């Protein structure tokens, strides 16, 4: 049986609640940095070009990734501004 081979390989697996079949667990997608998001966007683009992902679905995924990228950029800019403000305030006190 195919599901027995999957579980025997020590790879992560998920059990489908409806059919109780063992399914391979999808790989973790790292989206912590702008570069991570860029790489995922490129992967989605390539998948759309190959026809692995429907263009409509891929467009939606890339939109969400773009929004995530904006959030990452905003967080970085805020952190840099706070650091600059602390430095300026420390210099004013000196």
PDB file of N, CA and C in Angstrom:
ATOM      1  N   UNK A   1       0.844  -1.176   0.000  1.00  0.00           N
ATOM      2  CA  UNK A   1       0.000   0.000   0.000  1.00  0.00           C
ATOM      3  C   UNK A   1       0.886   1.235   0.000  1.00  0.00           C
ATOM      4  N   UNK A   2       0.527   2.259  -0.756  1.00  0.00           N
ATOM      5  CA  UNK A   2       1.329   3.448  -0.936  1.00  0.00           C
ATOM      6  C   UNK A   2       1.542   4.205   0.376  1.00  0.00           C
ATOM      7  N   UNK A   3       0.511   4.346   1.207  1.00  0.00           N
ATOM      8  CA  UNK A   3       0.644   5.107   2.451  1.00  0.00           C
ATOM      9  C   UNK A   3       1.628   4.448   3.419  1.00  0.00           C
ATOM     10  N   UNK A   4       1.775   3.131   3.354  1.00  0.00           N
ATOM     11  CA  UNK A   4       2.740   2.452   4.214  1.00  0.00           C
ATOM     12  C   UNK A   4       4.160   2.843   3.848  1.00  0.00           C
ATOM     13  N   UNK A   5       4.423   3.034   2.555  1.00  0.00           N
ATOM     14  CA  UNK A   5       5.754   3.434   2.119  1.00  0.00           C
ATOM     15  C   UNK A   5       6.098   4.834   2.606  1.00  0.00           C
ATOM     16  N   UNK A   6       5.134   5.714   2.634  1.00  0.00           N
ATOM     17  CA  UNK A   6       5.364   7.086   3.080  1.00  0.00           C
ATOM     18  C   UNK A   6       5.747   7.094   4.555  1.00  0.00           C
ATOM     19  N   UNK A   7       5.016   6.367   5.384  1.00  0.00           N
ATOM     20  CA  UNK A   7       5.290   6.389   6.819  1.00  0.00           C
ATOM     21  C   UNK A   7       6.589   5.679   7.158  1.00  0.00           C
ATOM     22  N   UNK A   8       6.989   4.738   6.339  1.00  0.00           N
ATOM     23  CA  UNK A   8       8.205   3.990   6.625  1.00  0.00           C
ATOM     24  C   UNK A   8       9.463   4.802   6.328  1.00  0.00           C
ATOM     25  N   UNK A   9       9.353   5.896   5.576  1.00  0.00           N
ATOM     26  CA  UNK A   9      10.536   6.658   5.181  1.00  0.00           C
ATOM     27  C   UNK A   9      10.970   7.686   6.208  1.00  0.00           C
ATOM     28  N   UNK A  10      10.285   7.776   7.346  1.00  0.00           N
ATOM     29  CA  UNK A  10      10.601   8.736   8.399  1.00  0.00           C
ATOM     30  C   UNK A  10      10.434  10.184   7.969  1.00  0.00           C
ATOM     31  N   UNK A  11       9.714  10.439   6.886  1.00  0.00           N
ATOM     32  CA  UNK A  11       9.453  11.811   6.483  1.00  0.00           C
ATOM     33  C   UNK A  11       8.189  12.306   7.187  1.00  0.00           C
ATOM     34  N   UNK A  12       8.082  13.622   7.403  1.00  0.00           N
ATOM     35  CA  UNK A  12       6.886  14.146   8.059  1.00  0.00           C
ATOM     36  C   UNK A  12       5.647  13.783   7.252  1.00  0.00           C
ATOM     37  N   UNK A  13       4.560  13.513   7.950  1.00  0.00           N
ATOM     38  CA  UNK A  13       3.328  13.130   7.267  1.00  0.00           C
ATOM     39  C   UNK A  13       2.138  13.738   7.994  1.00  0.00           C
ATOM     40  N   UNK A  14       1.049  13.889   7.262  1.00  0.00           N
ATOM     41  CA  UNK A  14      -0.199  14.408   7.788  1.00  0.00           C
ATOM     42  C   UNK A  14      -1.277  13.395   7.473  1.00  0.00           C
ATOM     43  N   UNK A  15      -2.232  13.206   8.381  1.00  0.00           N
ATOM     44  CA  UNK A  15      -3.350  12.305   8.124  1.00  0.00           C
ATOM     45  C   UNK A  15      -4.537  13.139   7.675  1.00  0.00           C
ATOM     46  N   UNK A  16      -5.053  12.807   6.490  1.00  0.00           N
ATOM     47  CA  UNK A  16      -6.239  13.482   5.959  1.00  0.00           C
ATOM     48  C   UNK A  16      -7.433  13.087   6.810  1.00  0.00           C
ATOM     49  N   UNK A  17      -8.088  14.065   7.422  1.00  0.00           N
ATOM     50  CA  UNK A  17      -9.203  13.796   8.330  1.00  0.00           C
ATOM     51  C   UNK A  17     -10.392  13.142   7.654  1.00  0.00           C
ATOM     52  N   UNK A  18     -10.623  13.424   6.382  1.00  0.00           N
ATOM     53  CA  UNK A  18     -11.786  12.874   5.689  1.00  0.00           C
ATOM     54  C   UNK A  18     -11.561  11.426   5.263  1.00  0.00           C
ATOM     55  N   UNK A  19     -10.413  11.146   4.668  1.00  0.00           N
ATOM     56  CA  UNK A  19     -10.176   9.802   4.124  1.00  0.00           C
ATOM     57  C   UNK A  19      -9.277   8.950   5.016  1.00  0.00           C
ATOM     58  N   UNK A  20      -8.646   9.546   6.010  1.00  0.00           N
ATOM     59  CA  UNK A  20      -7.696   8.890   6.904  1.00  0.00           C
ATOM     60  C   UNK A  20      -6.480   8.327   6.167  1.00  0.00           C
ATOM     61  N   UNK A  21      -6.174   8.901   4.997  1.00  0.00           N
ATOM     62  CA  UNK A  21      -4.969   8.523   4.262  1.00  0.00           C
ATOM     63  C   UNK A  21      -3.803   9.361   4.767  1.00  0.00           C
ATOM     64  N   UNK A  22      -2.621   8.782   4.740  1.00  0.00           N
ATOM     65  CA  UNK A  22      -1.410   9.498   5.127  1.00  0.00           C
ATOM     66  C   UNK A  22      -0.933  10.308   3.930  1.00  0.00           C
ATOM     67  N   UNK A  23      -0.776  11.610   4.147  1.00  0.00           N
ATOM     68  CA  UNK A  23      -0.322  12.511   3.097  1.00  0.00           C
ATOM     69  C   UNK A  23       1.029  13.094   3.497  1.00  0.00           C
ATOM     70  N   UNK A  24       1.905  13.342   2.538  1.00  0.00           N
ATOM     71  CA  UNK A  24       3.166  13.991   2.904  1.00  0.00           C
ATOM     72  C   UNK A  24       2.889  15.408   3.391  1.00  0.00           C
ATOM     73  N   UNK A  25       3.588  15.833   4.430  1.00  0.00           N
ATOM     74  CA  UNK A  25       3.435  17.186   4.943  1.00  0.00           C
ATOM     75  C   UNK A  25       4.170  18.143   4.012  1.00  0.00           C
ATOM     76  N   UNK A  26       3.495  19.230   3.596  1.00  0.00           N
ATOM     77  CA  UNK A  26       4.175  20.173   2.711  1.00  0.00           C
ATOM     78  C   UNK A  26       5.369  20.818   3.418  1.00  0.00           C
ATOM     79  N   UNK A  27       6.376  21.202   2.662  1.00  0.00           N
ATOM     80  CA  UNK A  27       7.554  21.815   3.284  1.00  0.00           C
ATOM     81  C   UNK A  27       7.194  23.157   3.926  1.00  0.00           C
ATOM     82  N   UNK A  28       7.943  23.512   4.950  1.00  0.00           N
ATOM     83  CA  UNK A  28       7.744  24.797   5.604  1.00  0.00           C
ATOM     84  C   UNK A  28       8.240  25.899   4.683  1.00  0.00           C
ATOM     85  N   UNK A  29       7.452  26.955   4.569  1.00  0.00           N
ATOM     86  CA  UNK A  29       7.844  28.099   3.748  1.00  0.00           C
ATOM     87  C   UNK A  29       8.321  29.188   4.699  1.00  0.00           C
ATOM     88  N   UNK A  30       9.573  29.594   4.563  1.00  0.00           N
ATOM     89  CA  UNK A  30      10.141  30.633   5.419  1.00  0.00           C
ATOM     90  C   UNK A  30       9.854  32.001   4.810  1.00  0.00           C
ATOM     91  N   UNK A  31       9.161  32.848   5.563  1.00  0.00           N
ATOM     92  CA  UNK A  31       8.811  34.179   5.080  1.00  0.00           C
ATOM     93  C   UNK A  31       9.132  35.236   6.131  1.00  0.00           C
ATOM     94  N   UNK A  32      10.313  35.143   6.735  1.00  0.00           N
ATOM     95  CA  UNK A  32      10.680  36.068   7.802  1.00  0.00           C
ATOM     96  C   UNK A  32      11.390  37.315   7.299  1.00  0.00           C
ATOM     97  N   UNK A  33      11.997  37.240   6.140  1.00  0.00           N
ATOM     98  CA  UNK A  33      12.738  38.383   5.613  1.00  0.00           C
ATOM     99  C   UNK A  33      12.201  38.748   4.227  1.00  0.00           C
ATOM    100  N   UNK A  34      12.538  39.964   3.790  1.00  0.00           N
ATOM    101  CA  UNK A  34      12.138  40.401   2.454  1.00  0.00           C
ATOM    102  C   UNK A  34      12.725  39.471   1.392  1.00  0.00           C
ATOM    103  N   UNK A  35      13.930  38.974   1.632  1.00  0.00           N
ATOM    104  CA  UNK A  35      14.538  38.057   0.671  1.00  0.00           C
ATOM    105  C   UNK A  35      13.786  36.733   0.614  1.00  0.00           C
ATOM    106  N   UNK A  36      13.328  36.241   1.767  1.00  0.00           N
ATOM    107  CA  UNK A  36      12.509  35.026   1.791  1.00  0.00           C
ATOM    108  C   UNK A  36      11.245  35.219   0.945  1.00  0.00           C
ATOM    109  N   UNK A  37      10.618  36.379   1.108  1.00  0.00           N
ATOM    110  CA  UNK A  37       9.381  36.678   0.373  1.00  0.00           C
ATOM    111  C   UNK A  37       9.682  36.776  -1.124  1.00  0.00           C
ATOM    112  N   UNK A  38      10.787  37.429  -1.473  1.00  0.00           N
ATOM    113  CA  UNK A  38      11.179  37.549  -2.876  1.00  0.00           C
ATOM    114  C   UNK A  38      11.367  36.178  -3.515  1.00  0.00           C
ATOM    115  N   UNK A  39      12.042  35.289  -2.793  1.00  0.00           N
ATOM    116  CA  UNK A  39      12.271  33.940  -3.317  1.00  0.00           C
ATOM    117  C   UNK A  39      10.956  33.181  -3.503  1.00  0.00           C
ATOM    118  N   UNK A  40      10.026  33.345  -2.567  1.00  0.00           N
ATOM    119  CA  UNK A  40       8.725  32.669  -2.682  1.00  0.00           C
ATOM    120  C   UNK A  40       7.921  33.239  -3.846  1.00  0.00           C
ATOM    121  N   UNK A  41       7.994  34.569  -4.043  1.00  0.00           N
ATOM    122  CA  UNK A  41       7.310  35.179  -5.187  1.00  0.00           C
ATOM    123  C   UNK A  41       7.848  34.617  -6.501  1.00  0.00           C
ATOM    124  N   UNK A  42       9.157  34.471  -6.577  1.00  0.00           N
ATOM    125  CA  UNK A  42       9.778  33.919  -7.786  1.00  0.00           C
ATOM    126  C   UNK A  42       9.336  32.476  -8.007  1.00  0.00           C
ATOM    127  N   UNK A  43       9.214  31.714  -6.924  1.00  0.00           N
ATOM    128  CA  UNK A  43       8.756  30.325  -7.046  1.00  0.00           C
ATOM    129  C   UNK A  43       7.324  30.268  -7.569  1.00  0.00           C
ATOM    130  N   UNK A  44       6.466  31.127  -7.025  1.00  0.00           N
ATOM    131  CA  UNK A  44       5.073  31.166  -7.484  1.00  0.00           C
ATOM    132  C   UNK A  44       5.036  31.550  -8.966  1.00  0.00           C
ATOM    133  N   UNK A  45       5.832  32.532  -9.355  1.00  0.00           N
ATOM    134  CA  UNK A  45       5.894  32.955 -10.762  1.00  0.00           C
ATOM    135  C   UNK A  45       6.293  31.788 -11.665  1.00  0.00           C
ATOM    136  N   UNK A  46       7.354  31.081 -11.263  1.00  0.00           N
ATOM    137  CA  UNK A  46       7.798  29.927 -12.070  1.00  0.00           C
ATOM    138  C   UNK A  46       6.707  28.860 -12.141  1.00  0.00           C
ATOM    139  N   UNK A  47       6.019  28.624 -11.014  1.00  0.00           N
ATOM    140  CA  UNK A  47       4.939  27.635 -11.006  1.00  0.00           C
ATOM    141  C   UNK A  47       3.798  28.057 -11.933  1.00  0.00           C
ATOM    142  N   UNK A  48       3.507  29.354 -11.988  1.00  0.00           N
ATOM    143  CA  UNK A  48       2.468  29.839 -12.908  1.00  0.00           C
ATOM    144  C   UNK A  48       2.905  29.645 -14.353  1.00  0.00           C
ATOM    145  N   UNK A  49       4.167  29.981 -14.643  1.00  0.00           N
ATOM    146  CA  UNK A  49       4.678  29.842 -16.014  1.00  0.00           C
ATOM    147  C   UNK A  49       4.628  28.393 -16.489  1.00  0.00           C
ATOM    148  N   UNK A  50       4.903  27.457 -15.560  1.00  0.00           N
ATOM    149  CA  UNK A  50       4.870  26.028 -15.911  1.00  0.00           C
ATOM    150  C   UNK A  50       3.449  25.490 -15.965  1.00  0.00           C
ATOM    151  N   UNK A  51       2.502  26.214 -15.422  1.00  0.00           N
ATOM    152  CA  UNK A  51       1.128  25.745 -15.383  1.00  0.00           C
ATOM    153  C   UNK A  51       0.807  24.924 -14.144  1.00  0.00           C
ATOM    154  N   UNK A  52       1.723  24.890 -13.168  1.00  0.00           N
ATOM    155  CA  UNK A  52       1.485  24.152 -11.926  1.00  0.00           C
ATOM    156  C   UNK A  52       0.490  24.868 -11.026  1.00  0.00           C
ATOM    157  N   UNK A  53       0.418  26.185 -11.150  1.00  0.00           N
ATOM    158  CA  UNK A  53      -0.532  27.001 -10.382  1.00  0.00           C
ATOM    159  C   UNK A  53      -1.344  27.816 -11.375  1.00  0.00           C
ATOM    160  N   UNK A  54      -2.650  27.849 -11.185  1.00  0.00           N
ATOM    161  CA  UNK A  54      -3.533  28.671 -12.007  1.00  0.00           C
ATOM    162  C   UNK A  54      -3.113  30.134 -11.895  1.00  0.00           C
ATOM    163  N   UNK A  55      -3.156  30.872 -12.994  1.00  0.00           N
ATOM    164  CA  UNK A  55      -2.741  32.282 -12.996  1.00  0.00           C
ATOM    165  C   UNK A  55      -3.523  33.108 -11.976  1.00  0.00           C
ATOM    166  N   UNK A  56      -4.806  32.865 -11.855  1.00  0.00           N
ATOM    167  CA  UNK A  56      -5.614  33.613 -10.884  1.00  0.00           C
ATOM    168  C   UNK A  56      -5.183  33.344  -9.456  1.00  0.00           C
ATOM    169  N   UNK A  57      -4.947  32.070  -9.149  1.00  0.00           N
ATOM    170  CA  UNK A  57      -4.487  31.709  -7.803  1.00  0.00           C
ATOM    171  C   UNK A  57      -3.087  32.257  -7.537  1.00  0.00           C
ATOM    172  N   UNK A  58      -2.217  32.154  -8.532  1.00  0.00           N
ATOM    173  CA  UNK A  58      -0.852  32.651  -8.380  1.00  0.00           C
ATOM    174  C   UNK A  58      -0.820  34.155  -8.169  1.00  0.00           C
ATOM    175  N   UNK A  59      -1.671  34.872  -8.896  1.00  0.00           N
ATOM    176  CA  UNK A  59      -1.751  36.318  -8.744  1.00  0.00           C
ATOM    177  C   UNK A  59      -2.166  36.693  -7.330  1.00  0.00           C
ATOM    178  N   UNK A  60      -3.127  35.961  -6.788  1.00  0.00           N
ATOM    179  CA  UNK A  60      -3.575  36.214  -5.411  1.00  0.00           C
ATOM    180  C   UNK A  60      -2.458  35.926  -4.410  1.00  0.00           C
ATOM    181  N   UNK A  61      -1.727  34.836  -4.627  1.00  0.00           N
ATOM    182  CA  UNK A  61      -0.615  34.504  -3.738  1.00  0.00           C
ATOM    183  C   UNK A  61       0.461  35.583  -3.779  1.00  0.00           C
ATOM    184  N   UNK A  62       0.799  36.044  -4.982  1.00  0.00           N
ATOM    185  CA  UNK A  62       1.828  37.078  -5.120  1.00  0.00           C
ATOM    186  C   UNK A  62       1.358  38.383  -4.471  1.00  0.00           C
ATOM    187  N   UNK A  63       0.072  38.689  -4.574  1.00  0.00           N
ATOM    188  CA  UNK A  63      -0.459  39.896  -3.920  1.00  0.00           C
ATOM    189  C   UNK A  63      -0.260  39.808  -2.401  1.00  0.00           C
ATOM    190  N   UNK A  64      -0.625  38.669  -1.830  1.00  0.00           N
ATOM    191  CA  UNK A  64      -0.473  38.487  -0.377  1.00  0.00           C
ATOM    192  C   UNK A  64       1.003  38.553   0.005  1.00  0.00           C
ATOM    193  N   UNK A  65       1.865  37.950  -0.793  1.00  0.00           N
ATOM    194  CA  UNK A  65       3.299  38.017  -0.524  1.00  0.00           C
ATOM    195  C   UNK A  65       3.798  39.466  -0.595  1.00  0.00           C
ATOM    196  N   UNK A  66       3.265  40.235  -1.526  1.00  0.00           N
ATOM    197  CA  UNK A  66       3.633  41.653  -1.629  1.00  0.00           C
ATOM    198  C   UNK A  66       3.217  42.423  -0.388  1.00  0.00           C
ATOM    199  N   UNK A  67       2.025  42.132   0.126  1.00  0.00           N
ATOM    200  CA  UNK A  67       1.557  42.785   1.354  1.00  0.00           C
ATOM    201  C   UNK A  67       2.447  42.394   2.535  1.00  0.00           C
ATOM    202  N   UNK A  68       2.829  41.135   2.588  1.00  0.00           N
ATOM    203  CA  UNK A  68       3.725  40.668   3.644  1.00  0.00           C
ATOM    204  C   UNK A  68       5.075  41.373   3.544  1.00  0.00           C
ATOM    205  N   UNK A  69       5.555  41.547   2.326  1.00  0.00           N
ATOM    206  CA  UNK A  69       6.820  42.241   2.119  1.00  0.00           C
ATOM    207  C   UNK A  69       6.738  43.690   2.610  1.00  0.00           C
ATOM    208  N   UNK A  70       5.617  44.351   2.348  1.00  0.00           N
ATOM    209  CA  UNK A  70       5.428  45.719   2.844  1.00  0.00           C
ATOM    210  C   UNK A  70       5.450  45.760   4.365  1.00  0.00           C
ATOM    211  N   UNK A  71       4.838  44.782   4.998  1.00  0.00           N
ATOM    212  CA  UNK A  71       4.835  44.726   6.467  1.00  0.00           C
ATOM    213  C   UNK A  71       6.248  44.528   7.000  1.00  0.00           C
ATOM    214  N   UNK A  72       7.020  43.677   6.344  1.00  0.00           N
ATOM    215  CA  UNK A  72       8.413  43.451   6.762  1.00  0.00           C
ATOM    216  C   UNK A  72       9.212  44.738   6.605  1.00  0.00           C
ATOM    217  N   UNK A  73       9.059  45.417   5.462  1.00  0.00           N
ATOM    218  CA  UNK A  73       9.778  46.668   5.223  1.00  0.00           C
ATOM    219  C   UNK A  73       9.404  47.723   6.255  1.00  0.00           C
ATOM    220  N   UNK A  74       8.117  47.840   6.559  1.00  0.00           N
ATOM    221  CA  UNK A  74       7.657  48.819   7.543  1.00  0.00           C
ATOM    222  C   UNK A  74       8.262  48.539   8.912  1.00  0.00           C
ATOM    223  N   UNK A  75       8.302  47.283   9.302  1.00  0.00           N
ATOM    224  CA  UNK A  75       8.885  46.904  10.589  1.00  0.00           C
ATOM    225  C   UNK A  75      10.365  47.272  10.640  1.00  0.00           C
ATOM    226  N   UNK A  76      11.096  47.029   9.556  1.00  0.00           N
ATOM    227  CA  UNK A  76      12.517  47.374   9.513  1.00  0.00           C
ATOM    228  C   UNK A  76      12.730  48.879   9.572  1.00  0.00           C
ATOM    229  N   UNK A  77      11.926  49.626   8.844  1.00  0.00           N
ATOM    230  CA  UNK A  77      12.050  51.082   8.850  1.00  0.00           C
ATOM    231  C   UNK A  77      11.752  51.641  10.240  1.00  0.00           C
ATOM    232  N   UNK A  78      10.709  51.129  10.885  1.00  0.00           N
ATOM    233  CA  UNK A  78      10.378  51.583  12.248  1.00  0.00           C
ATOM    234  C   UNK A  78      11.533  51.302  13.210  1.00  0.00           C
ATOM    235  N   UNK A  79      12.130  50.131  13.117  1.00  0.00           N
ATOM    236  CA  UNK A  79      13.239  49.779  14.003  1.00  0.00           C
ATOM    237  C   UNK A  79      14.435  50.697  13.770  1.00  0.00           C
ATOM    238  N   UNK A  80      14.717  50.996  12.512  1.00  0.00           N
ATOM    239  CA  UNK A  80      15.842  51.891  12.203  1.00  0.00           C
ATOM    240  C   UNK A  80      15.574  53.311  12.697  1.00  0.00           C
ATOM    241  N   UNK A  81      14.338  53.771  12.523  1.00  0.00           N
ATOM    242  CA  UNK A  81      13.993  55.116  12.995  1.00  0.00           C
ATOM    243  C   UNK A  81      14.105  55.205  14.514  1.00  0.00           C
ATOM    244  N   UNK A  82      13.636  54.206  15.216  1.00  0.00           N
ATOM    245  CA  UNK A  82      13.750  54.194  16.673  1.00  0.00           C
ATOM    246  C   UNK A  82      15.214  54.205  17.105  1.00  0.00           C
ATOM    247  N   UNK A  83      16.043  53.467  16.401  1.00  0.00           N
ATOM    248  CA  UNK A  83      17.474  53.442  16.714  1.00  0.00           C
ATOM    249  C   UNK A  83      18.091  54.817  16.486  1.00  0.00           C
ATOM    250  N   UNK A  84      17.750  55.454  15.376  1.00  0.00           N
ATOM    251  CA  UNK A  84      18.263  56.797  15.096  1.00  0.00           C
ATOM    252  C   UNK A  84      17.796  57.800  16.150  1.00  0.00           C
ATOM    253  N   UNK A  85      16.535  57.710  16.528  1.00  0.00           N
ATOM    254  CA  UNK A  85      16.005  58.612  17.552  1.00  0.00           C
ATOM    255  C   UNK A  85      16.718  58.418  18.886  1.00  0.00           C
ATOM    256  N   UNK A  86      16.983  57.183  19.258  1.00  0.00           N
ATOM    257  CA  UNK A  86      17.722  56.918  20.503  1.00  0.00           C
ATOM    258  C   UNK A  86      19.125  57.510  20.434  1.00  0.00           C
ATOM    259  N   UNK A  87      19.773  57.339  19.283  1.00  0.00           N
ATOM    260  CA  UNK A  87      21.125  57.883  19.109  1.00  0.00           C
ATOM    261  C   UNK A  87      21.109  59.400  19.198  1.00  0.00           C
ATOM    262  N   UNK A  88      20.158  60.047  18.530  1.00  0.00           N
ATOM    263  CA  UNK A  88      20.059  61.511  18.569  1.00  0.00           C
ATOM    264  C   UNK A  88      19.761  62.008  19.979  1.00  0.00           C
ATOM    265  N   UNK A  89      18.858  61.343  20.659  1.00  0.00           N
ATOM    266  CA  UNK A  89      18.526  61.734  22.037  1.00  0.00           C
ATOM    267  C   UNK A  89      19.720  61.570  22.968  1.00  0.00           C
ATOM    268  N   UNK A  90      20.494  60.503  22.776  1.00  0.00           N
ATOM    269  CA  UNK A  90      21.684  60.290  23.595  1.00  0.00           C
ATOM    270  C   UNK A  90      22.723  61.379  23.344  1.00  0.00           C
ATOM    271  N   UNK A  91      22.849  61.806  22.097  1.00  0.00           N
ATOM    272  CA  UNK A  91      23.815  62.863  21.747  1.00  0.00           C
ATOM    273  C   UNK A  91      23.365  64.214  22.326  1.00  0.00           C
ATOM    274  N   UNK A  92      22.075  64.462  22.356  1.00  0.00           N
ATOM    275  CA  UNK A  92      21.551  65.708  22.915  1.00  0.00           C
ATOM    276  C   UNK A  92      21.837  65.789  24.408  1.00  0.00           C
ATOM    277  N   UNK A  93      21.786  64.668  25.088  1.00  0.00           N
ATOM    278  CA  UNK A  93      22.015  64.629  26.532  1.00  0.00           C
ATOM    279  C   UNK A  93      23.491  64.794  26.872  1.00  0.00           C
ATOM    280  N   UNK A  94      24.377  64.506  25.920  1.00  0.00           N
ATOM    281  CA  UNK A  94      25.833  64.579  26.188  1.00  0.00           C
ATOM    282  C   UNK A  94      26.330  65.997  26.218  1.00  0.00           C
TER     283      UNK A  94
END
